[in-house]
Amino acid sequence: MNIWNYLQGRGEFLAFLTYQHASLAFQTVLVGTLVAVVIAIAVYRFPLASALTLTSSRVALTIPSLALLALLIVPFGLGVIPSFVMLAFFAAMPVIGNAIVGLRSVPESVIESARGIGFSRRRILFTVSLPLAWPVILTGIRVSTQMVVGVAAIVAYVLGPGLGSLIFNGLSRLGGKNSVEMALTGTVLIVVIALVFDALLVLLGRLTISKGLS
């Protein structure tokens, strides 16, 4: 196995696949996070709804990603759409739980103090509850991002974009020329993307979380 020989002359191609993979992961985590936070805001004040949503989000994570992706072929066909829907679905699940827990953990005394100085419910949500819950939400986003970057490799099964195609092609040609190099390159680049995203989220936390909350 000579990984360096395989990499020579393929820099542009590998950079394109890496960009596709990172872009798909970023967009699906962003959409999943927005959906998750909206759902959490809608249910966190109601204990029964919160409990059901938390349980549902945890159970949903047990769905085999490849099975869900295969089912999405029926309505959406092959390509980007089923890949995006599947990844956004899984991206939302860890964030929903953390967002609910974070919002419910905001001290009632703080909420009452905000009401006492005339804050509306919406202002309390955006200036008190969400900022206090943000560290917990961000932890969910970090978990979600790591999971999505890895799971995104299987979208090659439906001709989705990203580095999964290298891994699938390499494994399907085991024993052939450059097969191991292809699979290994795809795997390493996915790990690199995951590490870079996590470092960026750690930096985001340092920039956005008050020292009193960290």
N, C-alpha and C. Protein backbone atom coordinates (compact mmCIF):
# COMPACT_ATOMS: atom_id res chain seq x y z
N MET A 1 0.85 -1.20 0.00
CA MET A 1 0.00 0.00 0.00
C MET A 1 0.88 1.25 0.00
N ASN A 2 0.63 2.14 -0.94
CA ASN A 2 1.40 3.38 -1.01
C ASN A 2 0.42 4.54 -1.14
N ILE A 3 0.06 5.11 -0.01
CA ILE A 3 -0.95 6.16 0.02
C ILE A 3 -0.46 7.42 -0.70
N TRP A 4 0.84 7.68 -0.60
CA TRP A 4 1.37 8.90 -1.21
C TRP A 4 1.29 8.85 -2.74
N ASN A 5 1.55 7.71 -3.31
CA ASN A 5 1.42 7.58 -4.76
C ASN A 5 -0.03 7.78 -5.19
N TYR A 6 -0.96 7.29 -4.39
CA TYR A 6 -2.38 7.45 -4.71
C TYR A 6 -2.78 8.93 -4.66
N LEU A 7 -2.26 9.66 -3.70
CA LEU A 7 -2.65 11.06 -3.53
C LEU A 7 -2.12 11.96 -4.64
N GLN A 8 -1.01 11.58 -5.23
CA GLN A 8 -0.39 12.43 -6.25
C GLN A 8 -1.32 12.61 -7.45
N GLY A 9 -1.56 13.86 -7.80
CA GLY A 9 -2.39 14.17 -8.94
C GLY A 9 -3.88 14.13 -8.66
N ARG A 10 -4.26 13.82 -7.42
CA ARG A 10 -5.69 13.76 -7.08
C ARG A 10 -6.09 14.83 -6.08
N GLY A 11 -5.23 15.80 -5.85
CA GLY A 11 -5.50 16.82 -4.85
C GLY A 11 -6.79 17.59 -5.11
N GLU A 12 -6.98 18.01 -6.34
CA GLU A 12 -8.18 18.80 -6.66
C GLU A 12 -9.45 17.97 -6.49
N PHE A 13 -9.40 16.74 -6.93
CA PHE A 13 -10.56 15.84 -6.80
C PHE A 13 -10.89 15.58 -5.34
N LEU A 14 -9.87 15.30 -4.53
CA LEU A 14 -10.09 15.03 -3.11
C LEU A 14 -10.58 16.28 -2.37
N ALA A 15 -10.05 17.43 -2.78
CA ALA A 15 -10.49 18.69 -2.16
C ALA A 15 -11.96 18.94 -2.47
N PHE A 16 -12.39 18.62 -3.67
CA PHE A 16 -13.79 18.80 -4.04
C PHE A 16 -14.70 17.89 -3.23
N LEU A 17 -14.31 16.61 -3.10
CA LEU A 17 -15.12 15.68 -2.31
C LEU A 17 -15.16 16.10 -0.84
N THR A 18 -14.03 16.59 -0.33
CA THR A 18 -13.97 17.05 1.06
C THR A 18 -14.90 18.25 1.26
N TYR A 19 -14.87 19.17 0.31
CA TYR A 19 -15.77 20.33 0.38
C TYR A 19 -17.23 19.89 0.36
N GLN A 20 -17.57 18.96 -0.54
CA GLN A 20 -18.94 18.46 -0.61
C GLN A 20 -19.37 17.86 0.72
N HIS A 21 -18.51 17.05 1.29
CA HIS A 21 -18.82 16.38 2.55
C HIS A 21 -19.02 17.39 3.68
N ALA A 22 -18.08 18.32 3.78
CA ALA A 22 -18.15 19.33 4.85
C ALA A 22 -19.37 20.22 4.66
N SER A 23 -19.65 20.61 3.42
CA SER A 23 -20.80 21.47 3.15
C SER A 23 -22.11 20.77 3.48
N LEU A 24 -22.23 19.51 3.10
CA LEU A 24 -23.44 18.75 3.40
C LEU A 24 -23.63 18.62 4.90
N ALA A 25 -22.56 18.30 5.62
CA ALA A 25 -22.66 18.17 7.07
C ALA A 25 -23.04 19.50 7.73
N PHE A 26 -22.40 20.58 7.29
CA PHE A 26 -22.69 21.90 7.87
C PHE A 26 -24.14 22.30 7.65
N GLN A 27 -24.61 22.15 6.43
CA GLN A 27 -25.97 22.58 6.11
C GLN A 27 -27.02 21.74 6.84
N THR A 28 -26.79 20.43 6.93
CA THR A 28 -27.78 19.59 7.59
C THR A 28 -27.78 19.82 9.11
N VAL A 29 -26.61 20.05 9.69
CA VAL A 29 -26.57 20.36 11.12
C VAL A 29 -27.24 21.69 11.40
N LEU A 30 -27.02 22.67 10.53
CA LEU A 30 -27.66 23.98 10.70
C LEU A 30 -29.17 23.87 10.65
N VAL A 31 -29.69 23.20 9.63
CA VAL A 31 -31.14 23.03 9.49
C VAL A 31 -31.69 22.19 10.64
N GLY A 32 -31.00 21.09 10.97
CA GLY A 32 -31.44 20.25 12.07
C GLY A 32 -31.47 20.99 13.39
N THR A 33 -30.48 21.84 13.63
CA THR A 33 -30.43 22.62 14.87
C THR A 33 -31.58 23.61 14.94
N LEU A 34 -31.84 24.31 13.85
CA LEU A 34 -32.95 25.28 13.85
C LEU A 34 -34.29 24.59 14.12
N VAL A 35 -34.52 23.46 13.44
CA VAL A 35 -35.76 22.71 13.66
C VAL A 35 -35.84 22.22 15.10
N ALA A 36 -34.73 21.72 15.62
CA ALA A 36 -34.71 21.18 16.98
C ALA A 36 -35.01 22.25 18.02
N VAL A 37 -34.42 23.43 17.86
CA VAL A 37 -34.63 24.51 18.82
C VAL A 37 -36.08 24.99 18.77
N VAL A 38 -36.64 25.08 17.56
CA VAL A 38 -38.05 25.49 17.44
C VAL A 38 -38.96 24.48 18.15
N ILE A 39 -38.70 23.20 17.95
CA ILE A 39 -39.51 22.16 18.62
C ILE A 39 -39.35 22.26 20.13
N ALA A 40 -38.11 22.45 20.59
CA ALA A 40 -37.86 22.55 22.03
C ALA A 40 -38.58 23.75 22.64
N ILE A 41 -38.56 24.88 21.93
CA ILE A 41 -39.26 26.07 22.42
C ILE A 41 -40.76 25.81 22.52
N ALA A 42 -41.28 25.04 21.59
CA ALA A 42 -42.73 24.78 21.56
C ALA A 42 -43.18 23.87 22.70
N VAL A 43 -42.28 23.00 23.19
CA VAL A 43 -42.75 21.98 24.15
C VAL A 43 -42.16 22.10 25.55
N TYR A 44 -41.10 22.87 25.75
CA TYR A 44 -40.37 22.77 27.02
C TYR A 44 -41.18 23.21 28.23
N ARG A 45 -42.19 24.06 28.02
CA ARG A 45 -42.99 24.52 29.17
C ARG A 45 -44.03 23.49 29.60
N PHE A 46 -44.21 22.43 28.82
CA PHE A 46 -45.24 21.43 29.11
C PHE A 46 -44.56 20.10 29.46
N PRO A 47 -44.63 19.67 30.71
CA PRO A 47 -43.89 18.47 31.15
C PRO A 47 -44.18 17.22 30.32
N LEU A 48 -45.46 16.95 30.04
CA LEU A 48 -45.80 15.75 29.28
C LEU A 48 -45.25 15.82 27.86
N ALA A 49 -45.44 16.95 27.20
CA ALA A 49 -44.95 17.13 25.84
C ALA A 49 -43.42 17.04 25.80
N SER A 50 -42.78 17.62 26.82
CA SER A 50 -41.31 17.56 26.89
C SER A 50 -40.83 16.13 27.02
N ALA A 51 -41.47 15.38 27.91
CA ALA A 51 -41.06 14.00 28.14
C ALA A 51 -41.26 13.15 26.88
N LEU A 52 -42.39 13.33 26.21
CA LEU A 52 -42.65 12.57 24.99
C LEU A 52 -41.66 12.92 23.89
N THR A 53 -41.35 14.20 23.77
CA THR A 53 -40.40 14.64 22.74
C THR A 53 -39.00 14.12 23.02
N LEU A 54 -38.60 14.18 24.30
CA LEU A 54 -37.29 13.65 24.67
C LEU A 54 -37.18 12.16 24.35
N THR A 55 -38.22 11.41 24.74
CA THR A 55 -38.22 9.97 24.50
C THR A 55 -38.19 9.68 23.00
N SER A 56 -39.00 10.42 22.25
CA SER A 56 -39.07 10.20 20.80
C SER A 56 -37.74 10.49 20.13
N SER A 57 -37.05 11.55 20.57
CA SER A 57 -35.77 11.91 19.96
C SER A 57 -34.72 10.84 20.24
N ARG A 58 -34.77 10.25 21.43
CA ARG A 58 -33.80 9.21 21.76
C ARG A 58 -34.10 7.92 21.00
N VAL A 59 -35.38 7.59 20.90
CA VAL A 59 -35.76 6.38 20.15
C VAL A 59 -35.41 6.54 18.68
N ALA A 60 -35.60 7.75 18.14
CA ALA A 60 -35.33 8.00 16.72
C ALA A 60 -33.87 7.73 16.37
N LEU A 61 -32.97 7.94 17.34
CA LEU A 61 -31.55 7.71 17.08
C LEU A 61 -31.22 6.24 16.91
N THR A 62 -32.15 5.35 17.29
CA THR A 62 -31.91 3.92 17.12
C THR A 62 -32.30 3.43 15.72
N ILE A 63 -32.94 4.29 14.94
CA ILE A 63 -33.30 3.90 13.57
C ILE A 63 -32.03 3.72 12.75
N PRO A 64 -31.85 2.59 12.10
CA PRO A 64 -30.65 2.41 11.26
C PRO A 64 -30.62 3.45 10.14
N SER A 65 -29.53 4.18 10.07
CA SER A 65 -29.43 5.27 9.09
C SER A 65 -29.54 4.76 7.66
N LEU A 66 -28.96 3.61 7.39
CA LEU A 66 -29.01 3.07 6.03
C LEU A 66 -30.43 2.67 5.65
N ALA A 67 -31.18 2.13 6.63
CA ALA A 67 -32.57 1.75 6.37
C ALA A 67 -33.42 2.98 6.08
N LEU A 68 -33.22 4.04 6.87
CA LEU A 68 -33.98 5.28 6.64
C LEU A 68 -33.63 5.86 5.27
N LEU A 69 -32.37 5.84 4.93
CA LEU A 69 -31.94 6.37 3.64
C LEU A 69 -32.58 5.59 2.50
N ALA A 70 -32.64 4.27 2.65
CA ALA A 70 -33.26 3.43 1.61
C ALA A 70 -34.74 3.75 1.47
N LEU A 71 -35.42 3.98 2.59
CA LEU A 71 -36.85 4.31 2.53
C LEU A 71 -37.10 5.66 1.85
N LEU A 72 -36.16 6.58 2.04
CA LEU A 72 -36.32 7.91 1.44
C LEU A 72 -36.13 7.91 -0.07
N ILE A 73 -35.57 6.82 -0.61
CA ILE A 73 -35.43 6.72 -2.06
C ILE A 73 -36.80 6.70 -2.73
N VAL A 74 -37.78 6.11 -2.04
CA VAL A 74 -39.12 5.96 -2.64
C VAL A 74 -39.73 7.32 -2.99
N PRO A 75 -39.81 8.26 -2.01
CA PRO A 75 -40.41 9.56 -2.39
C PRO A 75 -39.46 10.53 -3.08
N PHE A 76 -38.15 10.41 -2.81
CA PHE A 76 -37.22 11.43 -3.28
C PHE A 76 -36.25 10.98 -4.37
N GLY A 77 -36.18 9.69 -4.62
CA GLY A 77 -35.23 9.20 -5.60
C GLY A 77 -33.81 9.21 -5.08
N LEU A 78 -32.84 9.19 -5.99
CA LEU A 78 -31.43 9.18 -5.61
C LEU A 78 -30.86 10.59 -5.57
N GLY A 79 -29.73 10.73 -4.91
CA GLY A 79 -29.02 12.00 -4.96
C GLY A 79 -29.04 12.79 -3.68
N VAL A 80 -29.05 14.12 -3.83
CA VAL A 80 -28.86 15.02 -2.71
C VAL A 80 -30.07 15.06 -1.76
N ILE A 81 -31.28 15.05 -2.29
CA ILE A 81 -32.46 15.27 -1.45
C ILE A 81 -32.61 14.21 -0.36
N PRO A 82 -32.61 12.90 -0.69
CA PRO A 82 -32.72 11.92 0.40
C PRO A 82 -31.54 11.99 1.36
N SER A 83 -30.36 12.31 0.83
CA SER A 83 -29.19 12.45 1.69
C SER A 83 -29.38 13.57 2.69
N PHE A 84 -29.86 14.71 2.21
CA PHE A 84 -30.05 15.88 3.07
C PHE A 84 -31.12 15.61 4.12
N VAL A 85 -32.24 15.04 3.70
CA VAL A 85 -33.35 14.79 4.63
C VAL A 85 -32.91 13.84 5.74
N MET A 86 -32.24 12.76 5.38
CA MET A 86 -31.80 11.79 6.38
C MET A 86 -30.83 12.41 7.37
N LEU A 87 -29.85 13.15 6.87
CA LEU A 87 -28.85 13.74 7.75
C LEU A 87 -29.44 14.84 8.64
N ALA A 88 -30.33 15.66 8.08
CA ALA A 88 -30.96 16.71 8.88
C ALA A 88 -31.82 16.10 9.99
N PHE A 89 -32.48 14.99 9.68
CA PHE A 89 -33.29 14.29 10.68
C PHE A 89 -32.41 13.84 11.85
N PHE A 90 -31.32 13.16 11.54
CA PHE A 90 -30.44 12.69 12.61
C PHE A 90 -29.73 13.84 13.31
N ALA A 91 -29.44 14.92 12.57
CA ALA A 91 -28.78 16.07 13.19
C ALA A 91 -29.66 16.71 14.26
N ALA A 92 -30.96 16.70 14.04
CA ALA A 92 -31.88 17.36 14.97
C ALA A 92 -32.04 16.61 16.29
N MET A 93 -31.89 15.30 16.27
CA MET A 93 -32.24 14.49 17.44
C MET A 93 -31.44 14.82 18.70
N PRO A 94 -30.10 14.87 18.66
CA PRO A 94 -29.37 15.20 19.89
C PRO A 94 -29.64 16.63 20.36
N VAL A 95 -29.87 17.53 19.43
CA VAL A 95 -30.08 18.93 19.79
C VAL A 95 -31.44 19.13 20.46
N ILE A 96 -32.45 18.40 20.01
CA ILE A 96 -33.78 18.52 20.62
C ILE A 96 -33.70 18.22 22.12
N GLY A 97 -33.08 17.09 22.45
CA GLY A 97 -32.97 16.71 23.86
C GLY A 97 -32.22 17.74 24.68
N ASN A 98 -31.08 18.17 24.18
CA ASN A 98 -30.29 19.14 24.93
C ASN A 98 -30.99 20.49 25.05
N ALA A 99 -31.69 20.90 24.00
CA ALA A 99 -32.39 22.18 24.04
C ALA A 99 -33.52 22.15 25.07
N ILE A 100 -34.25 21.06 25.13
CA ILE A 100 -35.32 20.94 26.13
C ILE A 100 -34.74 20.95 27.54
N VAL A 101 -33.71 20.15 27.75
CA VAL A 101 -33.08 20.09 29.07
C VAL A 101 -32.52 21.46 29.46
N GLY A 102 -31.86 22.12 28.51
CA GLY A 102 -31.29 23.43 28.79
C GLY A 102 -32.33 24.47 29.13
N LEU A 103 -33.41 24.51 28.36
CA LEU A 103 -34.47 25.49 28.61
C LEU A 103 -35.19 25.22 29.93
N ARG A 104 -35.41 23.95 30.24
CA ARG A 104 -36.10 23.61 31.48
C ARG A 104 -35.22 23.82 32.72
N SER A 105 -33.91 23.89 32.51
CA SER A 105 -33.00 24.06 33.65
C SER A 105 -32.79 25.53 34.03
N VAL A 106 -33.35 26.45 33.25
CA VAL A 106 -33.23 27.87 33.59
C VAL A 106 -33.98 28.12 34.90
N PRO A 107 -33.33 28.67 35.92
CA PRO A 107 -33.99 28.87 37.22
C PRO A 107 -35.26 29.71 37.10
N GLU A 108 -36.31 29.25 37.77
CA GLU A 108 -37.57 29.99 37.74
C GLU A 108 -37.42 31.38 38.36
N SER A 109 -36.51 31.49 39.31
CA SER A 109 -36.30 32.80 39.95
C SER A 109 -35.79 33.83 38.95
N VAL A 110 -34.97 33.38 38.00
CA VAL A 110 -34.47 34.28 36.97
C VAL A 110 -35.60 34.72 36.06
N ILE A 111 -36.47 33.78 35.70
CA ILE A 111 -37.63 34.10 34.85
C ILE A 111 -38.54 35.10 35.55
N GLU A 112 -38.79 34.86 36.83
CA GLU A 112 -39.67 35.76 37.59
C GLU A 112 -39.06 37.16 37.70
N SER A 113 -37.74 37.22 37.87
CA SER A 113 -37.08 38.53 37.95
C SER A 113 -37.25 39.28 36.64
N ALA A 114 -37.12 38.57 35.52
CA ALA A 114 -37.29 39.22 34.22
C ALA A 114 -38.72 39.70 34.03
N ARG A 115 -39.68 38.89 34.47
CA ARG A 115 -41.08 39.33 34.39
C ARG A 115 -41.30 40.57 35.27
N GLY A 116 -40.64 40.57 36.42
CA GLY A 116 -40.83 41.66 37.36
C GLY A 116 -40.36 43.01 36.83
N ILE A 117 -39.40 43.00 35.92
CA ILE A 117 -38.93 44.28 35.36
C ILE A 117 -39.59 44.58 34.02
N GLY A 118 -40.65 43.80 33.70
CA GLY A 118 -41.47 44.13 32.55
C GLY A 118 -41.12 43.45 31.25
N PHE A 119 -40.29 42.41 31.27
CA PHE A 119 -39.96 41.70 30.03
C PHE A 119 -41.17 40.90 29.55
N SER A 120 -41.39 40.93 28.25
CA SER A 120 -42.44 40.09 27.67
C SER A 120 -41.95 38.65 27.60
N ARG A 121 -42.87 37.71 27.33
CA ARG A 121 -42.49 36.30 27.24
C ARG A 121 -41.45 36.09 26.12
N ARG A 122 -41.66 36.75 24.99
CA ARG A 122 -40.72 36.59 23.88
C ARG A 122 -39.34 37.13 24.24
N ARG A 123 -39.33 38.28 24.91
CA ARG A 123 -38.04 38.87 25.28
C ARG A 123 -37.32 38.00 26.31
N ILE A 124 -38.08 37.43 27.23
CA ILE A 124 -37.48 36.52 28.20
C ILE A 124 -36.85 35.32 27.50
N LEU A 125 -37.57 34.79 26.51
CA LEU A 125 -37.06 33.63 25.77
C LEU A 125 -35.73 33.94 25.10
N PHE A 126 -35.68 35.06 24.38
CA PHE A 126 -34.50 35.35 23.56
C PHE A 126 -33.36 36.02 24.31
N THR A 127 -33.65 36.68 25.41
CA THR A 127 -32.58 37.38 26.14
C THR A 127 -32.21 36.72 27.47
N VAL A 128 -33.04 35.80 27.93
CA VAL A 128 -32.76 35.13 29.21
C VAL A 128 -32.64 33.61 29.04
N SER A 129 -33.74 32.99 28.61
CA SER A 129 -33.78 31.52 28.58
C SER A 129 -32.79 30.91 27.60
N LEU A 130 -32.84 31.36 26.35
CA LEU A 130 -31.95 30.77 25.34
C LEU A 130 -30.47 31.02 25.64
N PRO A 131 -30.07 32.25 26.04
CA PRO A 131 -28.65 32.43 26.39
C PRO A 131 -28.20 31.54 27.55
N LEU A 132 -29.06 31.34 28.56
CA LEU A 132 -28.69 30.49 29.68
C LEU A 132 -28.65 29.01 29.28
N ALA A 133 -29.50 28.64 28.32
CA ALA A 133 -29.53 27.25 27.86
C ALA A 133 -28.48 26.98 26.79
N TRP A 134 -27.87 28.01 26.24
CA TRP A 134 -26.97 27.86 25.10
C TRP A 134 -25.82 26.88 25.34
N PRO A 135 -25.15 26.88 26.50
CA PRO A 135 -24.06 25.90 26.68
C PRO A 135 -24.52 24.45 26.52
N VAL A 136 -25.71 24.14 27.01
CA VAL A 136 -26.24 22.78 26.89
C VAL A 136 -26.62 22.50 25.43
N ILE A 137 -27.23 23.49 24.78
CA ILE A 137 -27.60 23.33 23.36
C ILE A 137 -26.35 23.12 22.51
N LEU A 138 -25.31 23.89 22.79
CA LEU A 138 -24.08 23.78 22.01
C LEU A 138 -23.44 22.39 22.17
N THR A 139 -23.54 21.83 23.36
CA THR A 139 -23.04 20.47 23.56
C THR A 139 -23.78 19.50 22.65
N GLY A 140 -25.11 19.67 22.55
CA GLY A 140 -25.89 18.84 21.63
C GLY A 140 -25.48 19.04 20.19
N ILE A 141 -25.17 20.27 19.82
CA ILE A 141 -24.74 20.55 18.45
C ILE A 141 -23.40 19.87 18.16
N ARG A 142 -22.50 19.86 19.14
CA ARG A 142 -21.21 19.18 18.94
C ARG A 142 -21.40 17.68 18.73
N VAL A 143 -22.26 17.09 19.56
CA VAL A 143 -22.54 15.65 19.39
C VAL A 143 -23.16 15.39 18.03
N SER A 144 -24.12 16.24 17.66
CA SER A 144 -24.81 16.09 16.39
C SER A 144 -23.84 16.20 15.22
N THR A 145 -22.93 17.17 15.29
CA THR A 145 -21.99 17.39 14.19
C THR A 145 -21.07 16.19 14.00
N GLN A 146 -20.54 15.67 15.09
CA GLN A 146 -19.65 14.51 14.99
C GLN A 146 -20.39 13.32 14.37
N MET A 147 -21.63 13.12 14.80
CA MET A 147 -22.41 12.00 14.28
C MET A 147 -22.70 12.18 12.80
N VAL A 148 -23.12 13.37 12.42
CA VAL A 148 -23.50 13.62 11.03
C VAL A 148 -22.30 13.51 10.09
N VAL A 149 -21.16 14.03 10.49
CA VAL A 149 -19.97 13.93 9.64
C VAL A 149 -19.64 12.47 9.34
N GLY A 150 -19.80 11.60 10.34
CA GLY A 150 -19.54 10.19 10.11
C GLY A 150 -20.62 9.52 9.29
N VAL A 151 -21.88 9.76 9.66
CA VAL A 151 -23.00 9.12 8.97
C VAL A 151 -23.09 9.57 7.52
N ALA A 152 -22.62 10.79 7.24
CA ALA A 152 -22.70 11.32 5.87
C ALA A 152 -21.97 10.45 4.86
N ALA A 153 -21.08 9.59 5.33
CA ALA A 153 -20.36 8.72 4.40
C ALA A 153 -21.30 7.76 3.68
N ILE A 154 -22.41 7.37 4.34
CA ILE A 154 -23.26 6.34 3.73
C ILE A 154 -24.17 6.91 2.65
N VAL A 155 -24.21 8.24 2.48
CA VAL A 155 -25.10 8.78 1.44
C VAL A 155 -24.61 8.41 0.04
N ALA A 156 -23.38 7.91 -0.04
CA ALA A 156 -22.91 7.40 -1.32
C ALA A 156 -23.78 6.24 -1.80
N TYR A 157 -24.46 5.60 -0.86
CA TYR A 157 -25.37 4.49 -1.19
C TYR A 157 -26.47 4.94 -2.15
N VAL A 158 -26.87 6.22 -2.03
CA VAL A 158 -27.93 6.75 -2.91
C VAL A 158 -27.34 7.80 -3.86
N LEU A 159 -26.05 7.68 -4.13
CA LEU A 159 -25.34 8.60 -5.03
C LEU A 159 -25.29 10.02 -4.47
N GLY A 160 -25.27 10.12 -3.16
CA GLY A 160 -25.15 11.43 -2.52
C GLY A 160 -23.73 11.95 -2.60
N PRO A 161 -23.53 13.24 -2.29
CA PRO A 161 -22.20 13.84 -2.40
C PRO A 161 -21.31 13.50 -1.22
N GLY A 162 -20.01 13.72 -1.40
CA GLY A 162 -19.09 13.60 -0.28
C GLY A 162 -18.09 12.48 -0.41
N LEU A 163 -17.39 12.25 0.69
CA LEU A 163 -16.27 11.31 0.70
C LEU A 163 -16.69 9.86 0.80
N GLY A 164 -17.96 9.62 1.05
CA GLY A 164 -18.43 8.24 1.13
C GLY A 164 -18.19 7.47 -0.16
N SER A 165 -18.20 8.17 -1.28
CA SER A 165 -17.97 7.49 -2.57
C SER A 165 -16.59 6.85 -2.62
N LEU A 166 -15.59 7.51 -2.02
CA LEU A 166 -14.26 6.93 -1.98
C LEU A 166 -14.26 5.63 -1.18
N ILE A 167 -14.93 5.67 -0.02
CA ILE A 167 -14.95 4.48 0.84
C ILE A 167 -15.72 3.35 0.18
N PHE A 168 -16.90 3.65 -0.37
CA PHE A 168 -17.71 2.63 -1.03
C PHE A 168 -16.97 2.02 -2.22
N ASN A 169 -16.38 2.89 -3.05
CA ASN A 169 -15.67 2.39 -4.22
C ASN A 169 -14.45 1.55 -3.83
N GLY A 170 -13.74 2.01 -2.81
CA GLY A 170 -12.58 1.26 -2.36
C GLY A 170 -12.95 -0.11 -1.81
N LEU A 171 -13.99 -0.15 -0.99
CA LEU A 171 -14.40 -1.43 -0.40
C LEU A 171 -14.97 -2.38 -1.45
N SER A 172 -15.63 -1.82 -2.46
CA SER A 172 -16.21 -2.68 -3.49
C SER A 172 -15.14 -3.27 -4.41
N ARG A 173 -13.94 -2.67 -4.36
CA ARG A 173 -12.86 -3.14 -5.24
C ARG A 173 -11.70 -3.73 -4.46
N LEU A 174 -11.98 -4.21 -3.23
CA LEU A 174 -10.90 -4.74 -2.41
C LEU A 174 -10.11 -5.80 -3.17
N GLY A 175 -8.81 -5.64 -3.13
CA GLY A 175 -7.94 -6.53 -3.88
C GLY A 175 -7.47 -5.92 -5.18
N GLY A 176 -8.20 -4.89 -5.63
CA GLY A 176 -7.81 -4.20 -6.85
C GLY A 176 -6.85 -3.07 -6.57
N LYS A 177 -6.36 -2.44 -7.61
CA LYS A 177 -5.40 -1.36 -7.49
C LYS A 177 -6.01 -0.17 -6.77
N ASN A 178 -5.30 0.35 -5.76
CA ASN A 178 -5.67 1.55 -5.01
C ASN A 178 -6.96 1.41 -4.19
N SER A 179 -7.49 0.21 -4.07
CA SER A 179 -8.76 0.05 -3.34
C SER A 179 -8.61 0.43 -1.87
N VAL A 180 -7.58 -0.07 -1.22
CA VAL A 180 -7.36 0.24 0.19
C VAL A 180 -7.03 1.72 0.37
N GLU A 181 -6.22 2.25 -0.55
CA GLU A 181 -5.85 3.66 -0.48
C GLU A 181 -7.08 4.57 -0.59
N MET A 182 -8.01 4.22 -1.46
CA MET A 182 -9.24 5.00 -1.62
C MET A 182 -10.04 5.02 -0.33
N ALA A 183 -10.28 3.84 0.25
CA ALA A 183 -11.08 3.74 1.47
C ALA A 183 -10.39 4.45 2.63
N LEU A 184 -9.08 4.28 2.73
CA LEU A 184 -8.33 4.90 3.82
C LEU A 184 -8.32 6.42 3.69
N THR A 185 -8.13 6.92 2.48
CA THR A 185 -8.13 8.37 2.25
C THR A 185 -9.47 8.98 2.63
N GLY A 186 -10.56 8.36 2.19
CA GLY A 186 -11.87 8.86 2.54
C GLY A 186 -12.10 8.88 4.03
N THR A 187 -11.68 7.82 4.71
CA THR A 187 -11.86 7.73 6.16
C THR A 187 -11.07 8.81 6.89
N VAL A 188 -9.81 8.98 6.50
CA VAL A 188 -8.96 9.97 7.17
C VAL A 188 -9.50 11.38 6.96
N LEU A 189 -9.94 11.69 5.76
CA LEU A 189 -10.46 13.02 5.48
C LEU A 189 -11.74 13.28 6.28
N ILE A 190 -12.57 12.28 6.48
CA ILE A 190 -13.77 12.45 7.29
C ILE A 190 -13.39 12.75 8.74
N VAL A 191 -12.39 12.05 9.25
CA VAL A 191 -11.91 12.32 10.61
C VAL A 191 -11.39 13.75 10.73
N VAL A 192 -10.67 14.20 9.71
CA VAL A 192 -10.14 15.57 9.71
C VAL A 192 -11.29 16.58 9.74
N ILE A 193 -12.30 16.37 8.93
CA ILE A 193 -13.46 17.27 8.92
C ILE A 193 -14.11 17.31 10.30
N ALA A 194 -14.28 16.15 10.92
CA ALA A 194 -14.90 16.09 12.25
C ALA A 194 -14.08 16.88 13.27
N LEU A 195 -12.77 16.74 13.22
CA LEU A 195 -11.90 17.44 14.17
C LEU A 195 -11.95 18.96 13.94
N VAL A 196 -11.95 19.36 12.68
CA VAL A 196 -12.01 20.80 12.37
C VAL A 196 -13.33 21.39 12.84
N PHE A 197 -14.44 20.71 12.56
CA PHE A 197 -15.74 21.21 12.99
C PHE A 197 -15.82 21.31 14.51
N ASP A 198 -15.30 20.29 15.19
CA ASP A 198 -15.37 20.33 16.66
C ASP A 198 -14.54 21.47 17.21
N ALA A 199 -13.36 21.71 16.62
CA ALA A 199 -12.53 22.83 17.07
C ALA A 199 -13.25 24.16 16.85
N LEU A 200 -13.94 24.29 15.72
CA LEU A 200 -14.67 25.52 15.44
C LEU A 200 -15.83 25.71 16.43
N LEU A 201 -16.48 24.62 16.80
CA LEU A 201 -17.58 24.72 17.77
C LEU A 201 -17.07 25.05 19.17
N VAL A 202 -15.90 24.53 19.51
CA VAL A 202 -15.29 24.90 20.79
C VAL A 202 -14.98 26.39 20.80
N LEU A 203 -14.43 26.89 19.70
CA LEU A 203 -14.14 28.32 19.57
C LEU A 203 -15.43 29.13 19.66
N LEU A 204 -16.49 28.66 18.99
CA LEU A 204 -17.78 29.35 19.06
C LEU A 204 -18.27 29.43 20.50
N GLY A 205 -18.09 28.34 21.24
CA GLY A 205 -18.51 28.34 22.64
C GLY A 205 -17.74 29.37 23.45
N ARG A 206 -16.45 29.47 23.21
CA ARG A 206 -15.64 30.44 23.96
C ARG A 206 -16.03 31.87 23.63
N LEU A 207 -16.50 32.08 22.41
CA LEU A 207 -16.88 33.43 22.00
C LEU A 207 -18.29 33.81 22.43
N THR A 208 -19.14 32.82 22.64
CA THR A 208 -20.56 33.12 22.86
C THR A 208 -21.08 32.77 24.25
N ILE A 209 -20.32 31.98 25.01
CA ILE A 209 -20.79 31.59 26.34
C ILE A 209 -20.15 32.49 27.38
N SER A 210 -20.97 33.08 28.21
CA SER A 210 -20.46 33.94 29.28
C SER A 210 -19.57 33.14 30.22
N LYS A 211 -18.49 33.75 30.70
CA LYS A 211 -17.59 33.05 31.60
C LYS A 211 -18.29 32.54 32.84
N GLY A 212 -19.34 33.23 33.25
CA GLY A 212 -20.08 32.80 34.42
C GLY A 212 -20.87 31.52 34.20
N LEU A 213 -21.08 31.14 32.90
CA LEU A 213 -21.84 29.94 32.59
C LEU A 213 -20.95 28.78 32.20
N SER A 214 -19.70 29.05 31.83
CA SER A 214 -18.82 28.00 31.34
C SER A 214 -18.17 27.23 32.49
